[in-house]
Amino acid sequence: MPHFNPGPGEAEQLTGWESVEDVARLVRRYQPTLSYDYSPADGTLRFYGDGVEHFLKPGFWAIVNANKIIVVPPSMIKSSAELPST
């Protein structure tokens, strides 16, 4: 299973209502026509429009890859302990 190491500024994690605007800003920078809504009942952030739909649950990441947004669950993110030392 591939793992991602998100770089600063090119990834945002949905941690709850306090991170909705940060995640939305990143997604709309690369897909400006998308609308979004947040459901506090289940903590899900949804982006939609132009035939595209992204759902982020708490802990999920929105990551830019080749100028496209991909949604990655936390289980696919490398921890700092897994990164190679430099």
C-alpha atoms as a PDB file:
ATOM      1  CA  MET A   1       0.000   0.000   0.000  1.00  0.00           C
ATOM      2  CA  PRO A   2       1.520   3.386  -0.955  1.00  0.00           C
ATOM      3  CA  HIS A   3       2.103   5.967   1.718  1.00  0.00           C
ATOM      4  CA  PHE A   4       2.224   9.732   1.328  1.00  0.00           C
ATOM      5  CA  ASN A   5       4.441  12.272   2.964  1.00  0.00           C
ATOM      6  CA  PRO A   6       2.539  15.555   2.550  1.00  0.00           C
ATOM      7  CA  GLY A   7       4.657  18.644   2.133  1.00  0.00           C
ATOM      8  CA  PRO A   8       3.849  21.925   3.887  1.00  0.00           C
ATOM      9  CA  GLY A   9       1.269  24.044   2.091  1.00  0.00           C
ATOM     10  CA  GLU A  10       0.238  21.248  -0.251  1.00  0.00           C
ATOM     11  CA  ALA A  11      -1.797  19.221   2.221  1.00  0.00           C
ATOM     12  CA  GLU A  12      -4.373  19.925   4.896  1.00  0.00           C
ATOM     13  CA  GLN A  13      -5.865  17.527   7.418  1.00  0.00           C
ATOM     14  CA  LEU A  14      -9.501  17.729   8.477  1.00  0.00           C
ATOM     15  CA  THR A  15      -9.272  17.735  12.254  1.00  0.00           C
ATOM     16  CA  GLY A  16     -12.745  19.102  12.925  1.00  0.00           C
ATOM     17  CA  TRP A  17     -14.749  22.255  12.376  1.00  0.00           C
ATOM     18  CA  GLU A  18     -11.706  24.426  13.155  1.00  0.00           C
ATOM     19  CA  SER A  19      -9.861  23.146  10.053  1.00  0.00           C
ATOM     20  CA  VAL A  20     -12.713  23.381   7.521  1.00  0.00           C
ATOM     21  CA  GLU A  21     -11.623  26.771   6.137  1.00  0.00           C
ATOM     22  CA  ASP A  22      -7.979  25.673   5.741  1.00  0.00           C
ATOM     23  CA  VAL A  23      -8.969  22.514   3.859  1.00  0.00           C
ATOM     24  CA  ALA A  24     -11.466  24.452   1.722  1.00  0.00           C
ATOM     25  CA  ARG A  25      -8.856  27.080   0.840  1.00  0.00           C
ATOM     26  CA  LEU A  26      -6.441  24.390  -0.389  1.00  0.00           C
ATOM     27  CA  VAL A  27      -9.057  22.501  -2.424  1.00  0.00           C
ATOM     28  CA  ARG A  28     -10.500  25.649  -3.996  1.00  0.00           C
ATOM     29  CA  ARG A  29      -7.026  26.918  -4.926  1.00  0.00           C
ATOM     30  CA  TYR A  30      -6.742  23.960  -7.326  1.00  0.00           C
ATOM     31  CA  GLN A  31     -10.436  23.408  -8.105  1.00  0.00           C
ATOM     32  CA  PRO A  32     -12.000  26.873  -7.713  1.00  0.00           C
ATOM     33  CA  THR A  33     -15.415  25.941  -9.120  1.00  0.00           C
ATOM     34  CA  LEU A  34     -16.181  23.448  -6.356  1.00  0.00           C
ATOM     35  CA  SER A  35     -18.654  24.266  -3.620  1.00  0.00           C
ATOM     36  CA  TYR A  36     -18.451  22.747  -0.172  1.00  0.00           C
ATOM     37  CA  ASP A  37     -20.469  22.060   2.929  1.00  0.00           C
ATOM     38  CA  TYR A  38     -19.643  20.710   6.354  1.00  0.00           C
ATOM     39  CA  SER A  39     -21.853  18.416   8.416  1.00  0.00           C
ATOM     40  CA  PRO A  40     -21.138  18.888  12.117  1.00  0.00           C
ATOM     41  CA  ALA A  41     -23.284  15.844  12.922  1.00  0.00           C
ATOM     42  CA  ASP A  42     -20.740  13.410  11.468  1.00  0.00           C
ATOM     43  CA  GLY A  43     -17.799  15.774  10.866  1.00  0.00           C
ATOM     44  CA  THR A  44     -17.813  15.211   7.093  1.00  0.00           C
ATOM     45  CA  LEU A  45     -16.619  17.889   4.680  1.00  0.00           C
ATOM     46  CA  ARG A  46     -17.995  17.505   1.153  1.00  0.00           C
ATOM     47  CA  PHE A  47     -16.778  19.226  -2.026  1.00  0.00           C
ATOM     48  CA  TYR A  48     -18.967  19.037  -5.116  1.00  0.00           C
ATOM     49  CA  GLY A  49     -19.481  20.480  -8.589  1.00  0.00           C
ATOM     50  CA  ASP A  50     -18.423  19.936 -12.199  1.00  0.00           C
ATOM     51  CA  GLY A  51     -18.981  16.191 -11.851  1.00  0.00           C
ATOM     52  CA  VAL A  52     -16.504  15.972  -8.976  1.00  0.00           C
ATOM     53  CA  GLU A  53     -17.253  14.949  -5.419  1.00  0.00           C
ATOM     54  CA  HIS A  54     -14.773  14.635  -2.552  1.00  0.00           C
ATOM     55  CA  PHE A  55     -15.657  13.538   0.987  1.00  0.00           C
ATOM     56  CA  LEU A  56     -13.310  14.058   3.909  1.00  0.00           C
ATOM     57  CA  LYS A  57     -14.008  12.477   7.269  1.00  0.00           C
ATOM     58  CA  PRO A  58     -12.216  13.561  10.436  1.00  0.00           C
ATOM     59  CA  GLY A  59      -8.514  12.695  10.180  1.00  0.00           C
ATOM     60  CA  PHE A  60      -8.514  12.511   6.360  1.00  0.00           C
ATOM     61  CA  TRP A  61      -6.108  14.609   4.306  1.00  0.00           C
ATOM     62  CA  ALA A  62      -6.634  16.666   1.153  1.00  0.00           C
ATOM     63  CA  ILE A  63      -3.347  16.437  -0.759  1.00  0.00           C
ATOM     64  CA  VAL A  64      -2.271  18.118  -3.985  1.00  0.00           C
ATOM     65  CA  ASN A  65      -0.791  15.645  -6.450  1.00  0.00           C
ATOM     66  CA  ALA A  66      -0.024  16.836 -10.001  1.00  0.00           C
ATOM     67  CA  ASN A  67      -2.327  19.852  -9.478  1.00  0.00           C
ATOM     68  CA  LYS A  68      -5.226  17.589  -8.540  1.00  0.00           C
ATOM     69  CA  ILE A  69      -6.796  17.040  -5.157  1.00  0.00           C
ATOM     70  CA  ILE A  70      -6.753  13.534  -3.749  1.00  0.00           C
ATOM     71  CA  VAL A  71      -8.325  12.471  -0.479  1.00  0.00           C
ATOM     72  CA  VAL A  72      -6.162  10.230   1.665  1.00  0.00           C
ATOM     73  CA  PRO A  73      -7.194   8.431   4.859  1.00  0.00           C
ATOM     74  CA  PRO A  74      -4.866   8.792   7.838  1.00  0.00           C
ATOM     75  CA  SER A  75      -3.789   5.152   7.578  1.00  0.00           C
ATOM     76  CA  MET A  76      -1.954   5.974   4.329  1.00  0.00           C
ATOM     77  CA  ILE A  77       0.087   8.874   5.730  1.00  0.00           C
ATOM     78  CA  LYS A  78       3.657   8.175   6.797  1.00  0.00           C
ATOM     79  CA  SER A  79       4.414   9.051  10.366  1.00  0.00           C
ATOM     80  CA  SER A  80       7.565  10.985  11.122  1.00  0.00           C
ATOM     81  CA  ALA A  81       9.049   7.761  12.526  1.00  0.00           C
ATOM     82  CA  GLU A  82       8.714   6.115   9.092  1.00  0.00           C
ATOM     83  CA  LEU A  83      10.525   8.886   7.200  1.00  0.00           C
ATOM     84  CA  PRO A  84      14.151   8.290   6.191  1.00  0.00           C
ATOM     85  CA  SER A  85      16.719  10.274   8.149  1.00  0.00           C
ATOM     86  CA  THR A  86      18.713  12.845   6.206  1.00  0.00           C
END
